[in-house]
Amino acid sequence: MKKTKKIEFRLTLTELKIIQNKASKCGYSISEFVRETSLGYEPKNKLTPDEIAVFNILTTYANNFKNLSNLFKLGDTTGVKELCVETVQEIRFHLNKLR
């Protein structure tokens, strides 16, 4: 829906800086931030590149463990062993990057 209506209000420089800072942390424009918060939505901070990388790694691990569970259900011990070894190697790789 096209936004055609406008609201203007006054605030102090400090209030403006606080709103700008919060909007920036969420990846929103000031208008988006004020609209979202005024309507009762709680904006989320946008993820940093490091947080996105960790999220992707954890998603991979979750998928690997789900696959392991499925292989156990099917009785495929060879597949379980291979996937376990692969997952452990990947975890060690990322742990070594943190050292």
PDB file of N, CA and C in Angstrom:
ATOM      1  N   MET A   1       0.834  -1.162   0.000  1.00  0.00           N
ATOM      2  CA  MET A   1       0.000   0.000   0.000  1.00  0.00           C
ATOM      3  C   MET A   1       0.892   1.243   0.000  1.00  0.00           C
ATOM      4  N   LYS A   2       0.572   2.196  -0.840  1.00  0.00           N
ATOM      5  CA  LYS A   2       1.373   3.404  -0.966  1.00  0.00           C
ATOM      6  C   LYS A   2       1.181   4.295   0.254  1.00  0.00           C
ATOM      7  N   LYS A   3       2.279   4.782   0.773  1.00  0.00           N
ATOM      8  CA  LYS A   3       2.230   5.660   1.946  1.00  0.00           C
ATOM      9  C   LYS A   3       2.161   7.103   1.458  1.00  0.00           C
ATOM     10  N   THR A   4       1.056   7.774   1.741  1.00  0.00           N
ATOM     11  CA  THR A   4       0.874   9.143   1.266  1.00  0.00           C
ATOM     12  C   THR A   4       0.701  10.142   2.393  1.00  0.00           C
ATOM     13  N   LYS A   5       0.454   9.689   3.600  1.00  0.00           N
ATOM     14  CA  LYS A   5       0.213  10.578   4.739  1.00  0.00           C
ATOM     15  C   LYS A   5       1.513  10.835   5.488  1.00  0.00           C
ATOM     16  N   LYS A   6       1.569  11.994   6.126  1.00  0.00           N
ATOM     17  CA  LYS A   6       2.805  12.425   6.764  1.00  0.00           C
ATOM     18  C   LYS A   6       2.490  12.960   8.158  1.00  0.00           C
ATOM     19  N   ILE A   7       3.337  12.645   9.117  1.00  0.00           N
ATOM     20  CA  ILE A   7       3.230  13.171  10.478  1.00  0.00           C
ATOM     21  C   ILE A   7       4.534  13.900  10.779  1.00  0.00           C
ATOM     22  N   GLU A   8       4.422  15.077  11.345  1.00  0.00           N
ATOM     23  CA  GLU A   8       5.610  15.820  11.767  1.00  0.00           C
ATOM     24  C   GLU A   8       5.524  16.037  13.271  1.00  0.00           C
ATOM     25  N   PHE A   9       6.658  15.935  13.953  1.00  0.00           N
ATOM     26  CA  PHE A   9       6.688  16.237  15.375  1.00  0.00           C
ATOM     27  C   PHE A   9       8.055  16.763  15.751  1.00  0.00           C
ATOM     28  N   ARG A  10       8.107  17.454  16.834  1.00  0.00           N
ATOM     29  CA  ARG A  10       9.353  18.074  17.298  1.00  0.00           C
ATOM     30  C   ARG A  10      10.017  17.181  18.346  1.00  0.00           C
ATOM     31  N   LEU A  11      11.360  17.251  18.347  1.00  0.00           N
ATOM     32  CA  LEU A  11      12.125  16.545  19.354  1.00  0.00           C
ATOM     33  C   LEU A  11      13.456  17.234  19.549  1.00  0.00           C
ATOM     34  N   THR A  12      14.114  16.881  20.625  1.00  0.00           N
ATOM     35  CA  THR A  12      15.416  17.493  20.904  1.00  0.00           C
ATOM     36  C   THR A  12      16.477  16.831  20.037  1.00  0.00           C
ATOM     37  N   LEU A  13      17.630  17.469  19.975  1.00  0.00           N
ATOM     38  CA  LEU A  13      18.742  16.896  19.224  1.00  0.00           C
ATOM     39  C   LEU A  13      19.134  15.540  19.808  1.00  0.00           C
ATOM     40  N   THR A  14      19.113  15.434  21.122  1.00  0.00           N
ATOM     41  CA  THR A  14      19.450  14.167  21.782  1.00  0.00           C
ATOM     42  C   THR A  14      18.461  13.070  21.393  1.00  0.00           C
ATOM     43  N   GLU A  15      17.171  13.401  21.422  1.00  0.00           N
ATOM     44  CA  GLU A  15      16.153  12.423  21.031  1.00  0.00           C
ATOM     45  C   GLU A  15      16.339  11.993  19.579  1.00  0.00           C
ATOM     46  N   LEU A  16      16.640  12.948  18.706  1.00  0.00           N
ATOM     47  CA  LEU A  16      16.870  12.626  17.293  1.00  0.00           C
ATOM     48  C   LEU A  16      18.058  11.672  17.145  1.00  0.00           C
ATOM     49  N   LYS A  17      19.148  11.958  17.845  1.00  0.00           N
ATOM     50  CA  LYS A  17      20.346  11.102  17.762  1.00  0.00           C
ATOM     51  C   LYS A  17      20.051   9.688  18.271  1.00  0.00           C
ATOM     52  N   ILE A  18      19.272   9.593  19.336  1.00  0.00           N
ATOM     53  CA  ILE A  18      18.918   8.276  19.878  1.00  0.00           C
ATOM     54  C   ILE A  18      18.102   7.497  18.852  1.00  0.00           C
ATOM     55  N   ILE A  19      17.114   8.149  18.252  1.00  0.00           N
ATOM     56  CA  ILE A  19      16.271   7.479  17.249  1.00  0.00           C
ATOM     57  C   ILE A  19      17.098   7.091  16.036  1.00  0.00           C
ATOM     58  N   GLN A  20      17.970   7.986  15.574  1.00  0.00           N
ATOM     59  CA  GLN A  20      18.826   7.674  14.426  1.00  0.00           C
ATOM     60  C   GLN A  20      19.715   6.475  14.720  1.00  0.00           C
ATOM     61  N   ASN A  21      20.300   6.437  15.923  1.00  0.00           N
ATOM     62  CA  ASN A  21      21.182   5.346  16.320  1.00  0.00           C
ATOM     63  C   ASN A  21      20.428   4.012  16.361  1.00  0.00           C
ATOM     64  N   LYS A  22      19.251   4.020  16.981  1.00  0.00           N
ATOM     65  CA  LYS A  22      18.456   2.791  17.080  1.00  0.00           C
ATOM     66  C   LYS A  22      17.996   2.320  15.710  1.00  0.00           C
ATOM     67  N   ALA A  23      17.579   3.246  14.866  1.00  0.00           N
ATOM     68  CA  ALA A  23      17.134   2.888  13.511  1.00  0.00           C
ATOM     69  C   ALA A  23      18.287   2.288  12.718  1.00  0.00           C
ATOM     70  N   SER A  24      19.453   2.881  12.850  1.00  0.00           N
ATOM     71  CA  SER A  24      20.635   2.387  12.137  1.00  0.00           C
ATOM     72  C   SER A  24      21.002   0.976  12.575  1.00  0.00           C
ATOM     73  N   LYS A  25      20.939   0.710  13.886  1.00  0.00           N
ATOM     74  CA  LYS A  25      21.264  -0.625  14.398  1.00  0.00           C
ATOM     75  C   LYS A  25      20.317  -1.692  13.846  1.00  0.00           C
ATOM     76  N   CYS A  26      19.083  -1.286  13.541  1.00  0.00           N
ATOM     77  CA  CYS A  26      18.090  -2.225  13.018  1.00  0.00           C
ATOM     78  C   CYS A  26      18.116  -2.294  11.495  1.00  0.00           C
ATOM     79  N   GLY A  27      18.875  -1.397  10.874  1.00  0.00           N
ATOM     80  CA  GLY A  27      18.908  -1.362   9.423  1.00  0.00           C
ATOM     81  C   GLY A  27      17.682  -0.677   8.831  1.00  0.00           C
ATOM     82  N   TYR A  28      17.026   0.171   9.615  1.00  0.00           N
ATOM     83  CA  TYR A  28      15.819   0.874   9.181  1.00  0.00           C
ATOM     84  C   TYR A  28      16.125   2.336   8.917  1.00  0.00           C
ATOM     85  N   SER A  29      15.279   2.957   8.100  1.00  0.00           N
ATOM     86  CA  SER A  29      15.291   4.407   8.018  1.00  0.00           C
ATOM     87  C   SER A  29      14.600   4.914   9.280  1.00  0.00           C
ATOM     88  N   ILE A  30      14.726   6.211   9.537  1.00  0.00           N
ATOM     89  CA  ILE A  30      14.061   6.776  10.712  1.00  0.00           C
ATOM     90  C   ILE A  30      12.549   6.578  10.593  1.00  0.00           C
ATOM     91  N   SER A  31      11.998   6.816   9.408  1.00  0.00           N
ATOM     92  CA  SER A  31      10.549   6.651   9.204  1.00  0.00           C
ATOM     93  C   SER A  31      10.109   5.221   9.502  1.00  0.00           C
ATOM     94  N   GLU A  32      10.867   4.242   8.960  1.00  0.00           N
ATOM     95  CA  GLU A  32      10.511   2.838   9.197  1.00  0.00           C
ATOM     96  C   GLU A  32      10.568   2.503  10.683  1.00  0.00           C
ATOM     97  N   PHE A  33      11.624   2.974  11.342  1.00  0.00           N
ATOM     98  CA  PHE A  33      11.799   2.673  12.758  1.00  0.00           C
ATOM     99  C   PHE A  33      10.666   3.254  13.598  1.00  0.00           C
ATOM    100  N   VAL A  34      10.357   4.542  13.387  1.00  0.00           N
ATOM    101  CA  VAL A  34       9.301   5.196  14.162  1.00  0.00           C
ATOM    102  C   VAL A  34       7.954   4.537  13.870  1.00  0.00           C
ATOM    103  N   ARG A  35       7.684   4.229  12.602  1.00  0.00           N
ATOM    104  CA  ARG A  35       6.424   3.575  12.241  1.00  0.00           C
ATOM    105  C   ARG A  35       6.307   2.213  12.909  1.00  0.00           C
ATOM    106  N   GLU A  36       7.348   1.401  12.828  1.00  0.00           N
ATOM    107  CA  GLU A  36       7.327   0.053  13.413  1.00  0.00           C
ATOM    108  C   GLU A  36       7.118   0.110  14.929  1.00  0.00           C
ATOM    109  N   THR A  37       7.884   0.969  15.602  1.00  0.00           N
ATOM    110  CA  THR A  37       7.765   1.035  17.058  1.00  0.00           C
ATOM    111  C   THR A  37       6.431   1.645  17.480  1.00  0.00           C
ATOM    112  N   SER A  38       5.940   2.607  16.721  1.00  0.00           N
ATOM    113  CA  SER A  38       4.645   3.229  17.050  1.00  0.00           C
ATOM    114  C   SER A  38       3.490   2.250  16.909  1.00  0.00           C
ATOM    115  N   LEU A  39       3.628   1.314  15.989  1.00  0.00           N
ATOM    116  CA  LEU A  39       2.571   0.326  15.769  1.00  0.00           C
ATOM    117  C   LEU A  39       2.714  -0.890  16.677  1.00  0.00           C
ATOM    118  N   GLY A  40       3.675  -0.832  17.602  1.00  0.00           N
ATOM    119  CA  GLY A  40       3.811  -1.896  18.588  1.00  0.00           C
ATOM    120  C   GLY A  40       4.733  -3.032  18.184  1.00  0.00           C
ATOM    121  N   TYR A  41       5.403  -2.892  17.038  1.00  0.00           N
ATOM    122  CA  TYR A  41       6.351  -3.926  16.618  1.00  0.00           C
ATOM    123  C   TYR A  41       7.689  -3.673  17.279  1.00  0.00           C
ATOM    124  N   GLU A  42       8.386  -4.744  17.600  1.00  0.00           N
ATOM    125  CA  GLU A  42       9.700  -4.598  18.204  1.00  0.00           C
ATOM    126  C   GLU A  42      10.757  -4.871  17.145  1.00  0.00           C
ATOM    127  N   PRO A  43      11.417  -3.815  16.667  1.00  0.00           N
ATOM    128  CA  PRO A  43      12.432  -4.032  15.619  1.00  0.00           C
ATOM    129  C   PRO A  43      13.620  -4.802  16.170  1.00  0.00           C
ATOM    130  N   LYS A  44      14.194  -5.625  15.349  1.00  0.00           N
ATOM    131  CA  LYS A  44      15.353  -6.427  15.730  1.00  0.00           C
ATOM    132  C   LYS A  44      16.618  -5.777  15.172  1.00  0.00           C
ATOM    133  N   ASN A  45      17.697  -5.868  15.926  1.00  0.00           N
ATOM    134  CA  ASN A  45      18.974  -5.372  15.413  1.00  0.00           C
ATOM    135  C   ASN A  45      19.398  -6.234  14.239  1.00  0.00           C
ATOM    136  N   LYS A  46      19.955  -5.595  13.209  1.00  0.00           N
ATOM    137  CA  LYS A  46      20.433  -6.385  12.084  1.00  0.00           C
ATOM    138  C   LYS A  46      21.700  -7.123  12.509  1.00  0.00           C
ATOM    139  N   LEU A  47      21.922  -8.249  11.891  1.00  0.00           N
ATOM    140  CA  LEU A  47      23.062  -9.083  12.255  1.00  0.00           C
ATOM    141  C   LEU A  47      24.343  -8.535  11.639  1.00  0.00           C
ATOM    142  N   THR A  48      25.423  -8.654  12.382  1.00  0.00           N
ATOM    143  CA  THR A  48      26.736  -8.282  11.851  1.00  0.00           C
ATOM    144  C   THR A  48      27.190  -9.386  10.904  1.00  0.00           C
ATOM    145  N   PRO A  49      28.164  -9.102  10.052  1.00  0.00           N
ATOM    146  CA  PRO A  49      28.689 -10.162   9.173  1.00  0.00           C
ATOM    147  C   PRO A  49      29.185 -11.387   9.957  1.00  0.00           C
ATOM    148  N   ASP A  50      29.800 -11.159  11.124  1.00  0.00           N
ATOM    149  CA  ASP A  50      30.268 -12.283  11.951  1.00  0.00           C
ATOM    150  C   ASP A  50      29.093 -13.108  12.463  1.00  0.00           C
ATOM    151  N   GLU A  51      28.020 -12.436  12.883  1.00  0.00           N
ATOM    152  CA  GLU A  51      26.842 -13.151  13.370  1.00  0.00           C
ATOM    153  C   GLU A  51      26.181 -13.953  12.251  1.00  0.00           C
ATOM    154  N   ILE A  52      26.166 -13.412  11.055  1.00  0.00           N
ATOM    155  CA  ILE A  52      25.603 -14.127   9.904  1.00  0.00           C
ATOM    156  C   ILE A  52      26.431 -15.368   9.612  1.00  0.00           C
ATOM    157  N   ALA A  53      27.762 -15.232   9.684  1.00  0.00           N
ATOM    158  CA  ALA A  53      28.646 -16.381   9.438  1.00  0.00           C
ATOM    159  C   ALA A  53      28.404 -17.473  10.478  1.00  0.00           C
ATOM    160  N   VAL A  54      28.297 -17.093  11.740  1.00  0.00           N
ATOM    161  CA  VAL A  54      28.042 -18.070  12.810  1.00  0.00           C
ATOM    162  C   VAL A  54      26.680 -18.722  12.607  1.00  0.00           C
ATOM    163  N   PHE A  55      25.679 -17.925  12.255  1.00  0.00           N
ATOM    164  CA  PHE A  55      24.337 -18.463  11.993  1.00  0.00           C
ATOM    165  C   PHE A  55      24.393 -19.519  10.888  1.00  0.00           C
ATOM    166  N   ASN A  56      25.113 -19.223   9.805  1.00  0.00           N
ATOM    167  CA  ASN A  56      25.216 -20.180   8.694  1.00  0.00           C
ATOM    168  C   ASN A  56      25.935 -21.459   9.105  1.00  0.00           C
ATOM    169  N   ILE A  57      26.980 -21.322   9.908  1.00  0.00           N
ATOM    170  CA  ILE A  57      27.716 -22.500  10.383  1.00  0.00           C
ATOM    171  C   ILE A  57      26.817 -23.364  11.261  1.00  0.00           C
ATOM    172  N   LEU A  58      26.098 -22.722  12.184  1.00  0.00           N
ATOM    173  CA  LEU A  58      25.215 -23.476  13.080  1.00  0.00           C
ATOM    174  C   LEU A  58      24.076 -24.142  12.304  1.00  0.00           C
ATOM    175  N   THR A  59      23.600 -23.495  11.263  1.00  0.00           N
ATOM    176  CA  THR A  59      22.561 -24.098  10.421  1.00  0.00           C
ATOM    177  C   THR A  59      23.092 -25.354   9.741  1.00  0.00           C
ATOM    178  N   THR A  60      24.331 -25.292   9.265  1.00  0.00           N
ATOM    179  CA  THR A  60      24.957 -26.465   8.650  1.00  0.00           C
ATOM    180  C   THR A  60      25.055 -27.609   9.651  1.00  0.00           C
ATOM    181  N   TYR A  61      25.480 -27.290  10.880  1.00  0.00           N
ATOM    182  CA  TYR A  61      25.585 -28.326  11.907  1.00  0.00           C
ATOM    183  C   TYR A  61      24.220 -28.915  12.243  1.00  0.00           C
ATOM    184  N   ALA A  62      23.230 -28.071  12.366  1.00  0.00           N
ATOM    185  CA  ALA A  62      21.884 -28.563  12.665  1.00  0.00           C
ATOM    186  C   ALA A  62      21.405 -29.508  11.580  1.00  0.00           C
ATOM    187  N   ASN A  63      21.665 -29.153  10.321  1.00  0.00           N
ATOM    188  CA  ASN A  63      21.275 -30.028   9.207  1.00  0.00           C
ATOM    189  C   ASN A  63      22.034 -31.350   9.254  1.00  0.00           C
ATOM    190  N   ASN A  64      23.326 -31.284   9.583  1.00  0.00           N
ATOM    191  CA  ASN A  64      24.122 -32.511   9.678  1.00  0.00           C
ATOM    192  C   ASN A  64      23.583 -33.436  10.766  1.00  0.00           C
ATOM    193  N   PHE A  65      23.231 -32.872  11.918  1.00  0.00           N
ATOM    194  CA  PHE A  65      22.711 -33.707  13.003  1.00  0.00           C
ATOM    195  C   PHE A  65      21.330 -34.268  12.668  1.00  0.00           C
ATOM    196  N   LYS A  66      20.538 -33.514  11.930  1.00  0.00           N
ATOM    197  CA  LYS A  66      19.238 -34.026  11.489  1.00  0.00           C
ATOM    198  C   LYS A  66      19.447 -35.192  10.515  1.00  0.00           C
ATOM    199  N   ASN A  67      20.425 -35.041   9.620  1.00  0.00           N
ATOM    200  CA  ASN A  67      20.742 -36.128   8.684  1.00  0.00           C
ATOM    201  C   ASN A  67      21.244 -37.363   9.428  1.00  0.00           C
ATOM    202  N   LEU A  68      22.062 -37.147  10.470  1.00  0.00           N
ATOM    203  CA  LEU A  68      22.536 -38.273  11.277  1.00  0.00           C
ATOM    204  C   LEU A  68      21.362 -39.016  11.911  1.00  0.00           C
ATOM    205  N   SER A  69      20.432 -38.268  12.450  1.00  0.00           N
ATOM    206  CA  SER A  69      19.250 -38.870  13.065  1.00  0.00           C
ATOM    207  C   SER A  69      18.473 -39.709  12.058  1.00  0.00           C
ATOM    208  N   ASN A  70      18.328 -39.169  10.855  1.00  0.00           N
ATOM    209  CA  ASN A  70      17.606 -39.913   9.809  1.00  0.00           C
ATOM    210  C   ASN A  70      18.345 -41.185   9.414  1.00  0.00           C
ATOM    211  N   LEU A  71      19.682 -41.103   9.346  1.00  0.00           N
ATOM    212  CA  LEU A  71      20.463 -42.291   9.002  1.00  0.00           C
ATOM    213  C   LEU A  71      20.347 -43.352  10.091  1.00  0.00           C
ATOM    214  N   PHE A  72      20.349 -42.924  11.357  1.00  0.00           N
ATOM    215  CA  PHE A  72      20.153 -43.878  12.450  1.00  0.00           C
ATOM    216  C   PHE A  72      18.815 -44.580  12.315  1.00  0.00           C
ATOM    217  N   LYS A  73      17.778 -43.839  11.997  1.00  0.00           N
ATOM    218  CA  LYS A  73      16.446 -44.421  11.845  1.00  0.00           C
ATOM    219  C   LYS A  73      16.421 -45.455  10.733  1.00  0.00           C
ATOM    220  N   LEU A  74      17.197 -45.181   9.664  1.00  0.00           N
ATOM    221  CA  LEU A  74      17.236 -46.106   8.527  1.00  0.00           C
ATOM    222  C   LEU A  74      18.192 -47.273   8.754  1.00  0.00           C
ATOM    223  N   GLY A  75      19.020 -47.180   9.799  1.00  0.00           N
ATOM    224  CA  GLY A  75      19.976 -48.248  10.091  1.00  0.00           C
ATOM    225  C   GLY A  75      21.212 -48.183   9.207  1.00  0.00           C
ATOM    226  N   ASP A  76      21.505 -47.047   8.609  1.00  0.00           N
ATOM    227  CA  ASP A  76      22.645 -46.884   7.703  1.00  0.00           C
ATOM    228  C   ASP A  76      23.878 -46.483   8.508  1.00  0.00           C
ATOM    229  N   THR A  77      24.586 -47.469   9.064  1.00  0.00           N
ATOM    230  CA  THR A  77      25.741 -47.175   9.916  1.00  0.00           C
ATOM    231  C   THR A  77      26.919 -46.602   9.135  1.00  0.00           C
ATOM    232  N   THR A  78      27.074 -46.969   7.873  1.00  0.00           N
ATOM    233  CA  THR A  78      28.166 -46.421   7.065  1.00  0.00           C
ATOM    234  C   THR A  78      27.954 -44.925   6.850  1.00  0.00           C
ATOM    235  N   GLY A  79      26.742 -44.558   6.496  1.00  0.00           N
ATOM    236  CA  GLY A  79      26.431 -43.141   6.292  1.00  0.00           C
ATOM    237  C   GLY A  79      26.572 -42.340   7.564  1.00  0.00           C
ATOM    238  N   VAL A  80      26.187 -42.937   8.693  1.00  0.00           N
ATOM    239  CA  VAL A  80      26.301 -42.264   9.987  1.00  0.00           C
ATOM    240  C   VAL A  80      27.770 -41.969  10.281  1.00  0.00           C
ATOM    241  N   LYS A  81      28.620 -42.968  10.094  1.00  0.00           N
ATOM    242  CA  LYS A  81      30.041 -42.795  10.389  1.00  0.00           C
ATOM    243  C   LYS A  81      30.647 -41.699   9.512  1.00  0.00           C
ATOM    244  N   GLU A  82      30.353 -41.725   8.221  1.00  0.00           N
ATOM    245  CA  GLU A  82      30.914 -40.737   7.299  1.00  0.00           C
ATOM    246  C   GLU A  82      30.454 -39.324   7.643  1.00  0.00           C
ATOM    247  N   LEU A  83      29.169 -39.178   7.937  1.00  0.00           N
ATOM    248  CA  LEU A  83      28.647 -37.854   8.266  1.00  0.00           C
ATOM    249  C   LEU A  83      29.192 -37.365   9.606  1.00  0.00           C
ATOM    250  N   CYS A  84      29.369 -38.270  10.563  1.00  0.00           N
ATOM    251  CA  CYS A  84      29.966 -37.895  11.854  1.00  0.00           C
ATOM    252  C   CYS A  84      31.382 -37.374  11.659  1.00  0.00           C
ATOM    253  N   VAL A  85      32.169 -38.091  10.888  1.00  0.00           N
ATOM    254  CA  VAL A  85      33.557 -37.689  10.637  1.00  0.00           C
ATOM    255  C   VAL A  85      33.587 -36.330   9.937  1.00  0.00           C
ATOM    256  N   GLU A  86      32.732 -36.145   8.950  1.00  0.00           N
ATOM    257  CA  GLU A  86      32.667 -34.880   8.209  1.00  0.00           C
ATOM    258  C   GLU A  86      32.282 -33.719   9.140  1.00  0.00           C
ATOM    259  N   THR A  87      31.303 -33.950   9.998  1.00  0.00           N
ATOM    260  CA  THR A  87      30.848 -32.906  10.912  1.00  0.00           C
ATOM    261  C   THR A  87      31.930 -32.561  11.929  1.00  0.00           C
ATOM    262  N   VAL A  88      32.592 -33.558  12.474  1.00  0.00           N
ATOM    263  CA  VAL A  88      33.673 -33.324  13.435  1.00  0.00           C
ATOM    264  C   VAL A  88      34.805 -32.534  12.783  1.00  0.00           C
ATOM    265  N   GLN A  89      35.156 -32.876  11.549  1.00  0.00           N
ATOM    266  CA  GLN A  89      36.217 -32.149  10.851  1.00  0.00           C
ATOM    267  C   GLN A  89      35.833 -30.682  10.645  1.00  0.00           C
ATOM    268  N   GLU A  90      34.583 -30.452  10.298  1.00  0.00           N
ATOM    269  CA  GLU A  90      34.125 -29.084  10.084  1.00  0.00           C
ATOM    270  C   GLU A  90      34.138 -28.292  11.389  1.00  0.00           C
ATOM    271  N   ILE A  91      33.719 -28.916  12.481  1.00  0.00           N
ATOM    272  CA  ILE A  91      33.744 -28.250  13.788  1.00  0.00           C
ATOM    273  C   ILE A  91      35.176 -27.917  14.183  1.00  0.00           C
ATOM    274  N   ARG A  92      36.083 -28.866  14.004  1.00  0.00           N
ATOM    275  CA  ARG A  92      37.497 -28.625  14.344  1.00  0.00           C
ATOM    276  C   ARG A  92      38.079 -27.500  13.504  1.00  0.00           C
ATOM    277  N   PHE A  93      37.719 -27.449  12.217  1.00  0.00           N
ATOM    278  CA  PHE A  93      38.198 -26.395  11.336  1.00  0.00           C
ATOM    279  C   PHE A  93      37.825 -25.014  11.889  1.00  0.00           C
ATOM    280  N   HIS A  94      36.558 -24.871  12.297  1.00  0.00           N
ATOM    281  CA  HIS A  94      36.097 -23.591  12.800  1.00  0.00           C
ATOM    282  C   HIS A  94      36.666 -23.284  14.182  1.00  0.00           C
ATOM    283  N   LEU A  95      36.849 -24.295  15.015  1.00  0.00           N
ATOM    284  CA  LEU A  95      37.464 -24.082  16.316  1.00  0.00           C
ATOM    285  C   LEU A  95      38.923 -23.622  16.170  1.00  0.00           C
ATOM    286  N   ASN A  96      39.630 -24.184  15.216  1.00  0.00           N
ATOM    287  CA  ASN A  96      41.023 -23.781  14.990  1.00  0.00           C
ATOM    288  C   ASN A  96      41.129 -22.331  14.522  1.00  0.00           C
ATOM    289  N   LYS A  97      40.105 -21.851  13.823  1.00  0.00           N
ATOM    290  CA  LYS A  97      40.119 -20.442  13.401  1.00  0.00           C
ATOM    291  C   LYS A  97      39.998 -19.500  14.593  1.00  0.00           C
ATOM    292  N   LEU A  98      39.415 -19.975  15.690  1.00  0.00           N
ATOM    293  CA  LEU A  98      39.220 -19.153  16.873  1.00  0.00           C
ATOM    294  C   LEU A  98      40.451 -19.117  17.778  1.00  0.00           C
ATOM    295  N   ARG A  99      41.392 -19.990  17.533  1.00  0.00           N
ATOM    296  CA  ARG A  99      42.595 -20.042  18.392  1.00  0.00           C
ATOM    297  C   ARG A  99      43.600 -19.004  18.013  1.00  0.00           C
TER     298      ARG A  99
END
